[in-house]
Amino acid sequence: MPPRKDTDASVSVPCFYGAELRYQRERAGLTLEQLAEGSFRGLSFLSQIERGERRMPTDLARHVDERLGTDGFFQRRCEDAAKARRVGIAEYFADVAELERQAEGIEEWAPLLVPGLLQTSAYASAITRAAMWRASDNVIAEKVSARLERSRLFEGETPPRFWAILDGSVIRRRVLPPAGMAELLTHIAERARGTRSILQVVPETAAVHPLMMGMAKIMTFADAPPLVYTEGEHSGQVIDYPALVKDYRESYDLLRAAALPPTASLAMIEAAAEEYQDEAQQQDRPELRAVAEE
C-alpha cells in the first residue's frame, strides 16, 4: 500500500481545516466510515475535506464537533473558511475553482456558453452583466477578473488535460459585436493549439444527442475519484456519487462521437473567426461594406 499523503495545512484555509479534521479524527480513534455515520454526507465527501479539496458545510461541522468533542471548533470556523474564497467567485463555485487547480483532466460540455476557462474579458463581462444586470461595475469587474484568473492553470508546469465540446450555436450566438466575437473565437483556437487541448463542436444539424439538458464538467484526479459539476443560472452542484459519475462519463463519451472531429472543429471555429473579422472590417470601412453588398 502506498504511503498516505498528508495534507499541507499551509496551502489554504480548506487545507488547514482538513488537516485539523484528520488529526482530531485519528486522535479520537475513528475511521472515516465511523465519523460519517449519522451524517448526511458520504465517505468520499469527508475524504475530500480532509485533503483540503472541499469546504466543510455547516451541517457536517456540527456533526463532527459532536462526534469528536471539539467544542464547536469546526462550526465556528465554517464561516472563516467561506470568507476565504477568492473574491469574485460565487459561493457555490468555490469548491470547483479549487478542484480545477488540482485536476489532472478537465472535460467540459458547453451547450449555451463558452466555458469559463476559454472566455475573453469582453465575453465574460457581457454574460456576467446579462446574469447580474443590477450589480455594480465593481462587482462585475471582480467576477470577470476571477474568471480570467482561473485560466492561469494552463500556465503551470503540469496543466490539466483539457477537452471541451461546444454546441455549434455557441459559435454563432452574437454575444459581442463582430470584432469581439472574432477575438473570442481566435482566443479559443489559440488556447486549444497552445495547450494541446482537444476541442470539438457538435454541429447544429445534430437534432438530438446526449447531455442536451445542460452543461457538464468532468474532473479527474491523480489520487481521488472523478467528480462531475453541473450548473444553472444561480446555482451549481458537485456530483461524486460513483453511479451518477459513471452515467455522465458514458454520456460525455457518446457526445464525443456525435461531435465533429477535433481537426474539423478547430477549422470551423477559425473560419467563423475570419468571417466575424471580415464583418468587423466592413463596419469600420463603409466602402468595403458597399462593395460586399453589390
Protein backbone atom coordinates (compact mmCIF):
# COMPACT_ATOMS: atom_id res chain seq x y z
CA MET A 1 0.00 0.00 0.00
CA PRO A 2 1.44 3.45 -0.91
CA PRO A 3 2.21 5.81 1.97
CA ARG A 4 -0.55 8.19 2.98
CA LYS A 5 -0.27 11.67 1.50
CA ASP A 6 -0.71 14.19 4.32
CA THR A 7 -2.47 17.47 3.64
CA ASP A 8 -0.26 20.57 3.66
CA ALA A 9 -2.15 22.79 6.10
CA SER A 10 -0.33 25.91 4.87
CA VAL A 11 -1.73 25.80 1.33
CA SER A 12 -5.20 27.21 2.00
CA VAL A 13 -7.90 27.58 4.62
CA PRO A 14 -9.68 24.37 3.47
CA CYS A 15 -6.36 22.51 3.70
CA PHE A 16 -5.80 23.83 7.23
CA TYR A 17 -9.19 22.62 8.45
CA GLY A 18 -8.85 19.39 6.51
CA ALA A 19 -5.57 18.63 8.25
CA GLU A 20 -7.12 19.52 11.62
CA LEU A 21 -10.11 17.27 10.93
CA ARG A 22 -7.84 14.32 10.17
CA TYR A 23 -5.78 15.00 13.31
CA GLN A 24 -8.85 15.19 15.55
CA ARG A 25 -10.45 12.12 13.96
CA GLU A 26 -7.35 9.96 14.38
CA ARG A 27 -6.84 11.32 17.90
CA ALA A 28 -10.36 10.11 18.69
CA GLY A 29 -9.55 6.71 17.18
CA LEU A 30 -12.24 6.91 14.48
CA THR A 31 -12.10 5.83 10.86
CA LEU A 32 -13.68 7.93 8.13
CA GLU A 33 -16.51 5.42 7.95
CA GLN A 34 -17.20 5.77 11.66
CA LEU A 35 -17.09 9.56 11.52
CA ALA A 36 -19.50 9.60 8.58
CA GLU A 37 -22.07 7.50 10.43
CA GLY A 38 -25.11 9.55 11.36
CA SER A 39 -24.28 12.42 8.98
CA PHE A 40 -25.93 13.19 5.66
CA ARG A 41 -22.57 13.09 3.87
CA GLY A 42 -20.79 10.25 2.13
CA LEU A 43 -17.37 8.79 2.85
CA SER A 44 -15.78 10.31 -0.26
CA PHE A 45 -17.04 13.77 0.74
CA LEU A 46 -15.30 13.56 4.13
CA SER A 47 -12.15 12.27 2.50
CA GLN A 48 -12.08 15.25 0.13
CA ILE A 49 -12.50 17.63 3.07
CA GLU A 50 -9.55 16.06 4.87
CA ARG A 51 -7.45 16.55 1.72
CA GLY A 52 -8.47 20.22 1.55
CA GLU A 53 -10.39 19.73 -1.70
CA ARG A 54 -13.83 20.60 -0.36
CA ARG A 55 -15.09 23.11 2.16
CA MET A 56 -16.92 21.86 5.21
CA PRO A 57 -20.65 22.69 5.26
CA THR A 58 -22.30 23.77 8.48
CA ASP A 59 -24.36 20.60 8.98
CA LEU A 60 -21.25 18.44 8.76
CA ALA A 61 -19.28 20.78 11.06
CA ARG A 62 -21.98 20.37 13.69
CA HIS A 63 -21.89 16.59 13.33
CA VAL A 64 -18.08 16.48 13.50
CA ASP A 65 -17.96 18.66 16.61
CA GLU A 66 -20.44 16.36 18.33
CA ARG A 67 -18.63 13.15 17.36
CA LEU A 68 -15.13 14.41 18.09
CA GLY A 69 -15.94 16.56 21.11
CA THR A 70 -14.21 19.59 19.63
CA ASP A 71 -16.40 22.12 21.44
CA GLY A 72 -17.82 23.81 18.35
CA PHE A 73 -14.41 24.40 16.74
CA PHE A 74 -15.43 23.39 13.21
CA GLN A 75 -18.79 25.17 13.41
CA ARG A 76 -17.10 28.42 14.39
CA ARG A 77 -14.57 28.12 11.60
CA CYS A 78 -17.01 27.31 8.78
CA GLU A 79 -17.72 30.99 8.28
CA ASP A 80 -13.99 31.76 8.22
CA ALA A 81 -13.44 29.17 5.52
CA ALA A 82 -16.33 30.56 3.47
CA LYS A 83 -14.88 34.07 3.67
CA ALA A 84 -11.52 32.78 2.45
CA ARG A 85 -12.88 32.07 -1.01
CA ARG A 86 -11.35 34.15 -3.75
CA VAL A 87 -13.04 37.47 -4.48
CA GLY A 88 -15.39 37.24 -7.44
CA ILE A 89 -16.06 33.50 -7.12
CA ALA A 90 -19.65 32.51 -6.33
CA GLU A 91 -20.00 30.53 -3.10
CA TYR A 92 -21.46 27.52 -4.93
CA PHE A 93 -18.46 27.51 -7.29
CA ALA A 94 -15.72 27.95 -4.66
CA ASP A 95 -15.02 24.22 -4.33
CA VAL A 96 -14.90 23.80 -8.11
CA ALA A 97 -12.37 26.61 -8.51
CA GLU A 98 -10.11 24.78 -6.04
CA LEU A 99 -10.69 21.42 -7.71
CA GLU A 100 -9.82 22.75 -11.18
CA ARG A 101 -6.33 23.55 -9.99
CA GLN A 102 -5.86 20.03 -8.62
CA ALA A 103 -7.37 18.15 -11.55
CA GLU A 104 -5.34 16.02 -13.92
CA GLY A 105 -8.06 16.23 -16.53
CA ILE A 106 -11.00 18.57 -17.21
CA GLU A 107 -13.68 17.74 -19.77
CA GLU A 108 -16.42 20.27 -20.46
CA TRP A 109 -19.64 20.30 -22.42
CA ALA A 110 -20.90 23.78 -23.31
CA PRO A 111 -24.40 23.81 -24.84
CA LEU A 112 -25.10 27.53 -24.45
CA LEU A 113 -21.99 29.48 -23.46
CA VAL A 114 -18.23 29.30 -23.96
CA PRO A 115 -16.65 27.58 -20.91
CA GLY A 116 -15.16 29.96 -18.37
CA LEU A 117 -11.62 28.63 -18.96
CA LEU A 118 -11.85 29.74 -22.61
CA GLN A 119 -13.54 33.13 -22.25
CA THR A 120 -12.11 36.55 -23.08
CA SER A 121 -12.59 39.57 -20.84
CA ALA A 122 -15.20 41.12 -23.15
CA TYR A 123 -17.21 37.89 -23.40
CA ALA A 124 -17.07 37.27 -19.63
CA SER A 125 -18.21 40.85 -18.98
CA ALA A 126 -21.15 40.54 -21.36
CA ILE A 127 -22.56 37.30 -19.98
CA THR A 128 -21.93 38.30 -16.36
CA ARG A 129 -23.75 41.58 -16.87
CA ALA A 130 -26.63 39.72 -18.51
CA ALA A 131 -26.94 37.41 -15.49
CA MET A 132 -26.42 40.19 -12.89
CA TRP A 133 -27.85 43.30 -14.52
CA ARG A 134 -28.37 45.08 -11.16
CA ALA A 135 -24.78 44.52 -10.00
CA SER A 136 -22.32 47.41 -9.77
CA ASP A 137 -19.48 47.78 -12.25
CA ASN A 138 -17.02 46.88 -9.48
CA VAL A 139 -18.79 43.60 -8.76
CA ILE A 140 -18.84 42.70 -12.45
CA ALA A 141 -15.14 43.57 -12.76
CA GLU A 142 -14.31 41.34 -9.75
CA LYS A 143 -16.16 38.39 -11.23
CA VAL A 144 -14.58 38.83 -14.66
CA SER A 145 -11.10 39.10 -13.11
CA ALA A 146 -11.67 35.94 -11.07
CA ARG A 147 -12.87 34.05 -14.13
CA LEU A 148 -9.84 35.04 -16.19
CA GLU A 149 -7.56 34.19 -13.27
CA ARG A 150 -8.85 30.61 -13.36
CA SER A 151 -7.38 30.11 -16.82
CA ARG A 152 -3.88 30.63 -15.41
CA LEU A 153 -3.92 26.95 -14.50
CA PHE A 154 -2.87 26.34 -18.12
CA GLU A 155 0.37 28.22 -17.42
CA GLY A 156 1.57 25.78 -14.75
CA GLU A 157 4.23 23.12 -15.19
CA THR A 158 1.64 20.36 -15.31
CA PRO A 159 -1.57 21.86 -16.72
CA PRO A 160 -4.64 19.62 -16.79
CA ARG A 161 -5.53 17.71 -19.92
CA PHE A 162 -8.40 19.78 -21.28
CA TRP A 163 -11.18 18.60 -23.59
CA ALA A 164 -14.08 20.90 -24.49
CA ILE A 165 -17.14 20.18 -26.61
CA LEU A 166 -19.14 23.20 -27.77
CA ASP A 167 -22.56 23.30 -29.33
CA GLY A 168 -22.42 24.87 -32.79
CA SER A 169 -24.90 27.56 -31.71
CA VAL A 170 -22.31 28.91 -29.24
CA ILE A 171 -20.13 29.96 -32.16
CA ARG A 172 -22.98 31.75 -33.92
CA ARG A 173 -24.57 33.36 -30.87
CA ARG A 174 -23.61 37.04 -31.19
CA VAL A 175 -22.91 37.85 -27.57
CA LEU A 176 -20.46 40.54 -28.76
CA PRO A 177 -20.04 42.75 -31.83
CA PRO A 178 -18.22 41.09 -34.75
CA ALA A 179 -14.75 42.26 -33.61
CA GLY A 180 -15.35 40.85 -30.13
CA MET A 181 -16.61 37.54 -31.49
CA ALA A 182 -13.57 37.31 -33.75
CA GLU A 183 -11.32 37.90 -30.75
CA LEU A 184 -13.19 35.27 -28.72
CA LEU A 185 -13.02 32.53 -31.35
CA THR A 186 -9.38 33.30 -32.16
CA HIS A 187 -8.60 33.05 -28.44
CA ILE A 188 -10.36 29.68 -28.20
CA ALA A 189 -8.42 28.31 -31.18
CA GLU A 190 -5.10 29.62 -29.87
CA ARG A 191 -5.74 28.19 -26.42
CA ALA A 192 -6.55 24.80 -27.91
CA ARG A 193 -3.41 24.77 -30.05
CA GLY A 194 -1.13 26.29 -27.41
CA THR A 195 -2.09 23.84 -24.67
CA ARG A 196 -2.58 20.80 -26.90
CA SER A 197 -6.16 20.70 -25.71
CA ILE A 198 -8.86 18.90 -27.64
CA LEU A 199 -11.79 20.89 -28.96
CA GLN A 200 -14.90 19.56 -30.66
CA VAL A 201 -18.08 21.14 -31.99
CA VAL A 202 -21.49 19.48 -32.10
CA PRO A 203 -23.00 20.69 -35.40
CA GLU A 204 -26.32 22.48 -35.22
CA THR A 205 -27.70 19.84 -37.59
CA ALA A 206 -27.43 17.27 -34.79
CA ALA A 207 -31.05 17.38 -33.69
CA VAL A 208 -30.67 15.05 -30.71
CA HIS A 209 -27.61 13.95 -28.77
CA PRO A 210 -26.55 13.13 -25.18
CA LEU A 211 -26.40 15.84 -22.49
CA MET A 212 -28.94 18.07 -24.23
CA MET A 213 -30.35 19.13 -20.86
CA GLY A 214 -27.38 21.24 -19.77
CA MET A 215 -23.69 21.80 -19.18
CA ALA A 216 -21.36 19.32 -17.53
CA LYS A 217 -17.77 19.39 -16.33
CA ILE A 218 -15.95 16.14 -15.52
CA MET A 219 -12.77 16.38 -13.44
CA THR A 220 -10.32 13.55 -12.85
CA PHE A 221 -7.57 13.46 -10.22
CA ALA A 222 -4.36 11.57 -9.57
CA ASP A 223 -5.33 10.34 -6.11
CA ALA A 224 -9.08 10.84 -5.83
CA PRO A 225 -12.24 9.63 -7.59
CA PRO A 226 -13.61 11.69 -10.51
CA LEU A 227 -16.26 14.36 -9.99
CA VAL A 228 -18.93 15.96 -12.14
CA TYR A 229 -20.09 19.57 -11.88
CA THR A 230 -23.36 20.84 -13.31
CA GLU A 231 -24.66 24.40 -13.18
CA GLY A 232 -27.77 26.52 -13.58
CA GLU A 233 -28.23 30.29 -13.66
CA HIS A 234 -27.59 30.91 -9.96
CA SER A 235 -26.55 27.55 -8.55
CA GLY A 236 -24.28 24.60 -9.14
CA GLN A 237 -23.84 21.04 -7.91
CA VAL A 238 -20.80 18.81 -7.46
CA ILE A 239 -21.70 15.16 -8.05
CA ASP A 240 -19.48 12.46 -6.52
CA TYR A 241 -21.87 9.50 -6.37
CA PRO A 242 -19.98 6.85 -8.41
CA ALA A 243 -23.02 5.55 -10.31
CA LEU A 244 -24.03 9.05 -11.43
CA VAL A 245 -20.46 9.98 -12.34
CA LYS A 246 -20.33 6.83 -14.45
CA ASP A 247 -23.56 7.84 -16.23
CA TYR A 248 -22.16 11.29 -17.00
CA ARG A 249 -18.95 9.73 -18.27
CA GLU A 250 -20.85 7.48 -20.66
CA SER A 251 -22.98 10.38 -21.89
CA TYR A 252 -19.89 12.52 -22.47
CA ASP A 253 -18.22 9.71 -24.43
CA LEU A 254 -21.32 9.37 -26.60
CA LEU A 255 -21.34 13.14 -27.10
CA ARG A 256 -17.77 12.96 -28.38
CA ALA A 257 -18.96 10.53 -31.02
CA ALA A 258 -21.77 12.91 -32.08
CA ALA A 259 -19.39 15.88 -32.41
CA LEU A 260 -17.19 16.78 -35.36
CA PRO A 261 -13.57 15.54 -35.24
CA PRO A 262 -11.12 17.88 -33.48
CA THR A 263 -9.39 19.00 -36.70
CA ALA A 264 -12.66 19.85 -38.43
CA SER A 265 -13.99 21.54 -35.28
CA LEU A 266 -10.93 23.77 -34.97
CA ALA A 267 -11.16 24.66 -38.66
CA MET A 268 -14.83 25.60 -38.19
CA ILE A 269 -14.00 27.90 -35.28
CA GLU A 270 -11.13 29.58 -37.13
CA ALA A 271 -13.30 30.06 -40.22
CA ALA A 272 -16.04 31.64 -38.12
CA ALA A 273 -13.44 33.94 -36.55
CA GLU A 274 -12.36 35.10 -40.02
CA GLU A 275 -15.98 35.75 -41.00
CA TYR A 276 -16.53 37.87 -37.91
CA GLN A 277 -13.28 39.72 -38.57
CA ASP A 278 -14.30 40.47 -42.17
CA GLU A 279 -17.65 41.75 -40.94
CA ALA A 280 -15.93 43.96 -38.37
CA GLN A 281 -13.68 45.44 -41.04
CA GLN A 282 -16.66 46.17 -43.26
CA GLN A 283 -18.35 48.00 -40.39
CA ASP A 284 -15.23 50.08 -39.82
CA ARG A 285 -14.81 50.89 -43.52
CA PRO A 286 -18.12 51.76 -45.22
CA GLU A 287 -16.56 51.48 -48.69
CA LEU A 288 -15.86 47.78 -48.05
CA ARG A 289 -19.42 47.24 -46.91
CA ALA A 290 -20.74 48.85 -50.07
CA VAL A 291 -18.60 46.56 -52.24
CA ALA A 292 -19.76 43.50 -50.29
CA GLU A 293 -23.42 44.46 -50.81
CA GLU A 294 -23.05 44.91 -54.60
